[in-house]
Amino acid sequence: MTEDDSAVQAAVEGELRLLDPEVRRSHELLGSLLHPDFHEFGSSGRRWDRASTMARLPADTDPAAARYVVTSEIQGVRLAPDLVHLTFDTEYNGGHAHRSSLWRRTDDGWQMYFHQGTPFNPEGE
């Protein structure tokens, strides 16, 4: 595995961990994966920062959920030594979104710096 491949793999692993209900319910685990300057444009159209995400996700994640979201077509590219861009699609409760995230390598490991979700109709594409 090349250095570029290992960076992309680390970002993918972080992304998938963020979709795990156990991680989403834990302030400690969630906080370890979100960059201090994290921000997001959600598929709802709302803008989120790290503090609002840290308050929302643990409270909004169903503790009985075995699987939070279904992902597909995850791809990544290393843009710089400490920056990876991921794109993928998700399906949750019948809704679909194209997703894009930026992961930065920090002293604490790879952390999500930015995320955007854009709703789409899979039958209209």
N, C-alpha and C. Protein backbone atom coordinates (compact mmCIF):
# COMPACT_ATOMS: atom_id res chain seq x y z
N MET A 1 0.85 -1.18 0.00
CA MET A 1 0.00 0.00 0.00
C MET A 1 0.89 1.24 0.00
N THR A 2 0.59 2.18 -0.88
CA THR A 2 1.37 3.41 -0.93
C THR A 2 0.95 4.35 0.18
N GLU A 3 1.74 5.39 0.39
CA GLU A 3 1.41 6.38 1.41
C GLU A 3 0.08 7.06 1.09
N ASP A 4 -0.17 7.34 -0.22
CA ASP A 4 -1.45 7.93 -0.62
C ASP A 4 -2.59 6.98 -0.29
N ASP A 5 -2.41 5.68 -0.59
CA ASP A 5 -3.45 4.69 -0.31
C ASP A 5 -3.72 4.59 1.19
N SER A 6 -2.67 4.62 2.00
CA SER A 6 -2.88 4.49 3.45
C SER A 6 -3.58 5.72 4.01
N ALA A 7 -3.32 6.89 3.46
CA ALA A 7 -4.01 8.10 3.91
C ALA A 7 -5.49 8.03 3.56
N VAL A 8 -5.79 7.61 2.35
CA VAL A 8 -7.19 7.47 1.93
C VAL A 8 -7.88 6.42 2.78
N GLN A 9 -7.20 5.31 3.03
CA GLN A 9 -7.78 4.24 3.84
C GLN A 9 -8.08 4.74 5.26
N ALA A 10 -7.19 5.53 5.82
CA ALA A 10 -7.41 6.08 7.17
C ALA A 10 -8.64 6.99 7.18
N ALA A 11 -8.79 7.80 6.14
CA ALA A 11 -9.96 8.69 6.05
C ALA A 11 -11.25 7.88 5.89
N VAL A 12 -11.22 6.85 5.05
CA VAL A 12 -12.40 5.99 4.87
C VAL A 12 -12.77 5.33 6.19
N GLU A 13 -11.79 4.81 6.90
CA GLU A 13 -12.05 4.18 8.19
C GLU A 13 -12.67 5.17 9.17
N GLY A 14 -12.17 6.40 9.18
CA GLY A 14 -12.74 7.43 10.05
C GLY A 14 -14.17 7.76 9.66
N GLU A 15 -14.40 7.87 8.37
CA GLU A 15 -15.75 8.17 7.87
C GLU A 15 -16.73 7.08 8.30
N LEU A 16 -16.35 5.83 8.13
CA LEU A 16 -17.23 4.72 8.50
C LEU A 16 -17.45 4.66 10.00
N ARG A 17 -16.43 5.01 10.77
CA ARG A 17 -16.60 5.06 12.24
C ARG A 17 -17.61 6.13 12.62
N LEU A 18 -17.59 7.27 11.92
CA LEU A 18 -18.54 8.34 12.22
C LEU A 18 -19.98 7.93 11.92
N LEU A 19 -20.16 6.94 11.09
CA LEU A 19 -21.51 6.46 10.77
C LEU A 19 -21.98 5.37 11.74
N ASP A 20 -21.10 4.91 12.61
CA ASP A 20 -21.42 3.86 13.58
C ASP A 20 -22.22 4.48 14.73
N PRO A 21 -23.42 3.94 15.03
CA PRO A 21 -24.23 4.52 16.11
C PRO A 21 -23.51 4.59 17.45
N GLU A 22 -22.66 3.62 17.75
CA GLU A 22 -21.92 3.66 19.02
C GLU A 22 -20.99 4.87 19.08
N VAL A 23 -20.33 5.17 17.97
CA VAL A 23 -19.43 6.33 17.91
C VAL A 23 -20.25 7.62 17.97
N ARG A 24 -21.35 7.66 17.25
CA ARG A 24 -22.19 8.86 17.21
C ARG A 24 -22.78 9.21 18.58
N ARG A 25 -22.98 8.21 19.44
CA ARG A 25 -23.55 8.44 20.76
C ARG A 25 -22.50 8.80 21.81
N SER A 26 -21.22 8.64 21.47
CA SER A 26 -20.14 8.88 22.43
C SER A 26 -19.46 10.22 22.18
N HIS A 27 -19.54 11.12 23.15
CA HIS A 27 -18.87 12.42 23.01
C HIS A 27 -17.37 12.23 22.81
N GLU A 28 -16.79 11.29 23.53
CA GLU A 28 -15.34 11.06 23.44
C GLU A 28 -14.94 10.54 22.06
N LEU A 29 -15.63 9.49 21.58
CA LEU A 29 -15.29 8.92 20.27
C LEU A 29 -15.58 9.91 19.14
N LEU A 30 -16.73 10.56 19.22
CA LEU A 30 -17.10 11.54 18.21
C LEU A 30 -16.09 12.69 18.18
N GLY A 31 -15.75 13.18 19.35
CA GLY A 31 -14.80 14.28 19.44
C GLY A 31 -13.43 13.95 18.90
N SER A 32 -13.02 12.70 19.02
CA SER A 32 -11.70 12.31 18.51
C SER A 32 -11.65 12.32 16.99
N LEU A 33 -12.81 12.26 16.34
CA LEU A 33 -12.85 12.20 14.87
C LEU A 33 -13.18 13.53 14.21
N LEU A 34 -13.64 14.49 14.98
CA LEU A 34 -13.99 15.80 14.42
C LEU A 34 -12.90 16.82 14.72
N HIS A 35 -12.39 17.45 13.68
CA HIS A 35 -11.38 18.48 13.79
C HIS A 35 -11.92 19.65 14.63
N PRO A 36 -11.07 20.34 15.40
CA PRO A 36 -11.55 21.48 16.19
C PRO A 36 -12.27 22.54 15.34
N ASP A 37 -11.90 22.69 14.07
CA ASP A 37 -12.53 23.68 13.19
C ASP A 37 -13.58 23.05 12.27
N PHE A 38 -14.09 21.87 12.62
CA PHE A 38 -15.07 21.17 11.79
C PHE A 38 -16.29 22.04 11.49
N HIS A 39 -16.77 21.92 10.25
CA HIS A 39 -18.03 22.52 9.86
C HIS A 39 -18.67 21.68 8.76
N GLU A 40 -19.98 21.82 8.65
CA GLU A 40 -20.74 20.97 7.72
C GLU A 40 -21.90 21.74 7.14
N PHE A 41 -22.18 21.45 5.86
CA PHE A 41 -23.42 21.85 5.22
C PHE A 41 -24.23 20.56 5.09
N GLY A 42 -25.23 20.39 5.96
CA GLY A 42 -25.98 19.14 6.01
C GLY A 42 -26.93 18.98 4.83
N SER A 43 -27.36 17.74 4.62
CA SER A 43 -28.31 17.47 3.54
C SER A 43 -29.65 18.15 3.81
N SER A 44 -29.86 18.59 5.05
CA SER A 44 -31.06 19.34 5.40
C SER A 44 -30.97 20.79 4.93
N GLY A 45 -29.76 21.22 4.55
CA GLY A 45 -29.53 22.60 4.18
C GLY A 45 -29.00 23.44 5.34
N ARG A 46 -28.96 22.84 6.50
CA ARG A 46 -28.49 23.56 7.69
C ARG A 46 -26.97 23.53 7.78
N ARG A 47 -26.40 24.58 8.35
CA ARG A 47 -24.96 24.65 8.59
C ARG A 47 -24.69 24.24 10.03
N TRP A 48 -23.68 23.39 10.22
CA TRP A 48 -23.32 22.89 11.54
C TRP A 48 -21.86 23.20 11.80
N ASP A 49 -21.52 23.42 13.08
CA ASP A 49 -20.12 23.52 13.48
C ASP A 49 -19.84 22.37 14.43
N ARG A 50 -18.64 22.31 14.96
CA ARG A 50 -18.26 21.18 15.82
C ARG A 50 -19.13 21.13 17.07
N ALA A 51 -19.34 22.27 17.71
CA ALA A 51 -20.11 22.29 18.96
C ALA A 51 -21.55 21.83 18.73
N SER A 52 -22.19 22.32 17.68
CA SER A 52 -23.58 21.92 17.44
C SER A 52 -23.66 20.45 17.03
N THR A 53 -22.67 19.96 16.32
CA THR A 53 -22.64 18.55 15.94
C THR A 53 -22.42 17.68 17.17
N MET A 54 -21.52 18.10 18.04
CA MET A 54 -21.24 17.33 19.26
C MET A 54 -22.47 17.30 20.18
N ALA A 55 -23.29 18.32 20.14
CA ALA A 55 -24.51 18.34 20.96
C ALA A 55 -25.63 17.53 20.30
N ARG A 56 -25.72 17.57 18.98
CA ARG A 56 -26.83 16.96 18.25
C ARG A 56 -26.69 15.46 18.08
N LEU A 57 -25.56 14.98 17.59
CA LEU A 57 -25.45 13.57 17.22
C LEU A 57 -25.69 12.61 18.38
N PRO A 58 -25.07 12.79 19.53
CA PRO A 58 -25.34 11.84 20.62
C PRO A 58 -26.82 11.80 21.01
N ALA A 59 -27.47 12.95 20.98
CA ALA A 59 -28.88 13.02 21.38
C ALA A 59 -29.81 12.45 20.30
N ASP A 60 -29.43 12.61 19.02
CA ASP A 60 -30.30 12.21 17.91
C ASP A 60 -30.09 10.79 17.42
N THR A 61 -29.06 10.11 17.88
CA THR A 61 -28.76 8.77 17.38
C THR A 61 -29.51 7.73 18.20
N ASP A 62 -30.30 6.93 17.52
CA ASP A 62 -31.10 5.88 18.16
C ASP A 62 -30.19 4.82 18.75
N PRO A 63 -30.24 4.61 20.06
CA PRO A 63 -29.36 3.61 20.68
C PRO A 63 -29.64 2.19 20.21
N ALA A 64 -30.83 1.93 19.69
CA ALA A 64 -31.19 0.59 19.22
C ALA A 64 -30.77 0.36 17.76
N ALA A 65 -30.31 1.41 17.09
CA ALA A 65 -29.95 1.27 15.68
C ALA A 65 -28.71 0.39 15.54
N ALA A 66 -28.86 -0.68 14.77
CA ALA A 66 -27.71 -1.55 14.51
C ALA A 66 -26.86 -0.95 13.40
N ARG A 67 -27.49 -0.26 12.50
CA ARG A 67 -26.79 0.35 11.38
C ARG A 67 -27.44 1.69 11.12
N TYR A 68 -26.66 2.73 11.12
CA TYR A 68 -27.22 4.07 10.99
C TYR A 68 -27.48 4.44 9.54
N VAL A 69 -26.55 4.12 8.68
CA VAL A 69 -26.61 4.58 7.30
C VAL A 69 -25.98 3.53 6.39
N VAL A 70 -26.48 3.45 5.16
CA VAL A 70 -25.89 2.56 4.16
C VAL A 70 -25.06 3.43 3.22
N THR A 71 -23.80 3.07 3.03
CA THR A 71 -22.91 3.84 2.15
C THR A 71 -22.64 3.06 0.88
N SER A 72 -22.34 3.81 -0.18
CA SER A 72 -21.94 3.18 -1.44
C SER A 72 -21.02 4.13 -2.19
N GLU A 73 -20.27 3.55 -3.10
CA GLU A 73 -19.39 4.28 -4.03
C GLU A 73 -18.40 5.19 -3.32
N ILE A 74 -17.85 4.74 -2.21
CA ILE A 74 -16.88 5.57 -1.48
C ILE A 74 -15.56 5.60 -2.26
N GLN A 75 -15.08 6.81 -2.51
CA GLN A 75 -13.83 7.02 -3.23
C GLN A 75 -13.06 8.13 -2.53
N GLY A 76 -11.75 8.06 -2.64
CA GLY A 76 -10.94 9.09 -2.01
C GLY A 76 -9.72 9.42 -2.82
N VAL A 77 -9.22 10.62 -2.59
CA VAL A 77 -7.99 11.07 -3.23
C VAL A 77 -7.22 11.93 -2.23
N ARG A 78 -5.94 11.75 -2.23
CA ARG A 78 -5.08 12.56 -1.36
C ARG A 78 -4.77 13.85 -2.10
N LEU A 79 -5.17 14.97 -1.52
CA LEU A 79 -4.98 16.28 -2.16
C LEU A 79 -3.66 16.93 -1.76
N ALA A 80 -3.17 16.59 -0.58
CA ALA A 80 -1.92 17.14 -0.04
C ALA A 80 -1.43 16.14 1.00
N PRO A 81 -0.21 16.30 1.50
CA PRO A 81 0.31 15.32 2.45
C PRO A 81 -0.62 15.07 3.65
N ASP A 82 -1.33 16.09 4.10
CA ASP A 82 -2.17 15.96 5.28
C ASP A 82 -3.66 16.19 4.99
N LEU A 83 -4.08 15.96 3.74
CA LEU A 83 -5.46 16.24 3.36
C LEU A 83 -6.00 15.20 2.38
N VAL A 84 -7.15 14.61 2.72
CA VAL A 84 -7.81 13.61 1.88
C VAL A 84 -9.24 14.07 1.62
N HIS A 85 -9.68 13.91 0.37
CA HIS A 85 -11.06 14.22 -0.02
C HIS A 85 -11.79 12.91 -0.31
N LEU A 86 -12.94 12.70 0.35
CA LEU A 86 -13.77 11.52 0.12
C LEU A 86 -15.08 11.94 -0.50
N THR A 87 -15.60 11.09 -1.39
CA THR A 87 -16.95 11.25 -1.92
C THR A 87 -17.64 9.90 -1.83
N PHE A 88 -18.95 9.92 -1.56
CA PHE A 88 -19.72 8.69 -1.47
C PHE A 88 -21.20 9.04 -1.44
N ASP A 89 -22.04 8.03 -1.52
CA ASP A 89 -23.48 8.19 -1.42
C ASP A 89 -23.97 7.49 -0.17
N THR A 90 -25.08 8.00 0.38
CA THR A 90 -25.69 7.36 1.54
C THR A 90 -27.19 7.20 1.31
N GLU A 91 -27.73 6.23 2.04
CA GLU A 91 -29.18 6.03 2.09
C GLU A 91 -29.52 5.86 3.56
N TYR A 92 -30.52 6.63 4.01
CA TYR A 92 -30.98 6.53 5.39
C TYR A 92 -32.48 6.84 5.43
N ASN A 93 -33.25 5.92 5.98
CA ASN A 93 -34.70 6.09 6.09
C ASN A 93 -35.34 6.48 4.77
N GLY A 94 -34.87 5.91 3.68
CA GLY A 94 -35.44 6.19 2.36
C GLY A 94 -34.89 7.42 1.68
N GLY A 95 -34.10 8.23 2.37
CA GLY A 95 -33.50 9.42 1.77
C GLY A 95 -32.10 9.11 1.26
N HIS A 96 -31.73 9.74 0.16
CA HIS A 96 -30.41 9.54 -0.45
C HIS A 96 -29.65 10.86 -0.49
N ALA A 97 -28.34 10.78 -0.30
CA ALA A 97 -27.51 11.99 -0.37
C ALA A 97 -26.15 11.66 -0.97
N HIS A 98 -25.68 12.58 -1.82
CA HIS A 98 -24.28 12.56 -2.24
C HIS A 98 -23.52 13.24 -1.12
N ARG A 99 -22.36 12.70 -0.76
CA ARG A 99 -21.60 13.26 0.35
C ARG A 99 -20.15 13.52 -0.05
N SER A 100 -19.58 14.53 0.57
CA SER A 100 -18.20 14.91 0.33
C SER A 100 -17.61 15.33 1.66
N SER A 101 -16.40 14.86 1.95
CA SER A 101 -15.75 15.26 3.20
C SER A 101 -14.26 15.45 2.99
N LEU A 102 -13.72 16.33 3.81
CA LEU A 102 -12.28 16.57 3.84
C LEU A 102 -11.75 16.11 5.17
N TRP A 103 -10.69 15.31 5.12
CA TRP A 103 -10.05 14.77 6.32
C TRP A 103 -8.64 15.33 6.41
N ARG A 104 -8.28 15.85 7.59
CA ARG A 104 -6.95 16.41 7.82
C ARG A 104 -6.20 15.56 8.83
N ARG A 105 -4.94 15.30 8.54
CA ARG A 105 -4.10 14.60 9.51
C ARG A 105 -3.60 15.62 10.52
N THR A 106 -3.79 15.31 11.79
CA THR A 106 -3.38 16.18 12.88
C THR A 106 -2.49 15.38 13.83
N ASP A 107 -2.03 16.01 14.87
CA ASP A 107 -1.26 15.29 15.89
C ASP A 107 -2.10 14.21 16.57
N ASP A 108 -3.42 14.35 16.49
CA ASP A 108 -4.34 13.37 17.09
C ASP A 108 -4.83 12.34 16.08
N GLY A 109 -4.27 12.33 14.87
CA GLY A 109 -4.68 11.40 13.82
C GLY A 109 -5.53 12.10 12.76
N TRP A 110 -6.18 11.31 11.93
CA TRP A 110 -7.01 11.85 10.86
C TRP A 110 -8.35 12.29 11.45
N GLN A 111 -8.74 13.54 11.14
CA GLN A 111 -9.99 14.10 11.64
C GLN A 111 -10.76 14.76 10.51
N MET A 112 -12.10 14.66 10.60
CA MET A 112 -12.94 15.30 9.59
C MET A 112 -12.93 16.81 9.81
N TYR A 113 -12.57 17.53 8.75
CA TYR A 113 -12.51 18.99 8.80
C TYR A 113 -13.77 19.62 8.21
N PHE A 114 -14.31 19.00 7.15
CA PHE A 114 -15.48 19.55 6.46
C PHE A 114 -16.32 18.41 5.92
N HIS A 115 -17.63 18.62 5.91
CA HIS A 115 -18.55 17.63 5.33
C HIS A 115 -19.70 18.35 4.66
N GLN A 116 -20.16 17.78 3.54
CA GLN A 116 -21.34 18.31 2.88
C GLN A 116 -22.19 17.16 2.38
N GLY A 117 -23.51 17.26 2.59
CA GLY A 117 -24.46 16.29 2.07
C GLY A 117 -25.45 16.99 1.16
N THR A 118 -25.68 16.41 -0.03
CA THR A 118 -26.62 16.97 -0.99
C THR A 118 -27.66 15.91 -1.34
N PRO A 119 -28.95 16.15 -1.03
CA PRO A 119 -29.97 15.15 -1.32
C PRO A 119 -30.08 14.90 -2.82
N PHE A 120 -30.45 13.67 -3.17
CA PHE A 120 -30.71 13.36 -4.57
C PHE A 120 -31.77 12.27 -4.66
N ASN A 121 -32.41 12.20 -5.81
CA ASN A 121 -33.40 11.17 -6.10
C ASN A 121 -32.72 10.12 -6.97
N PRO A 122 -32.52 8.90 -6.47
CA PRO A 122 -31.80 7.90 -7.24
C PRO A 122 -32.53 7.49 -8.53
N GLU A 123 -33.83 7.71 -8.59
CA GLU A 123 -34.57 7.37 -9.80
C GLU A 123 -34.52 8.47 -10.84
N GLY A 124 -34.10 9.66 -10.42
CA GLY A 124 -34.05 10.80 -11.33
C GLY A 124 -32.68 11.01 -11.96
N GLU A 125 -31.71 10.20 -11.57
CA GLU A 125 -30.35 10.38 -12.11
C GLU A 125 -30.13 9.56 -13.35
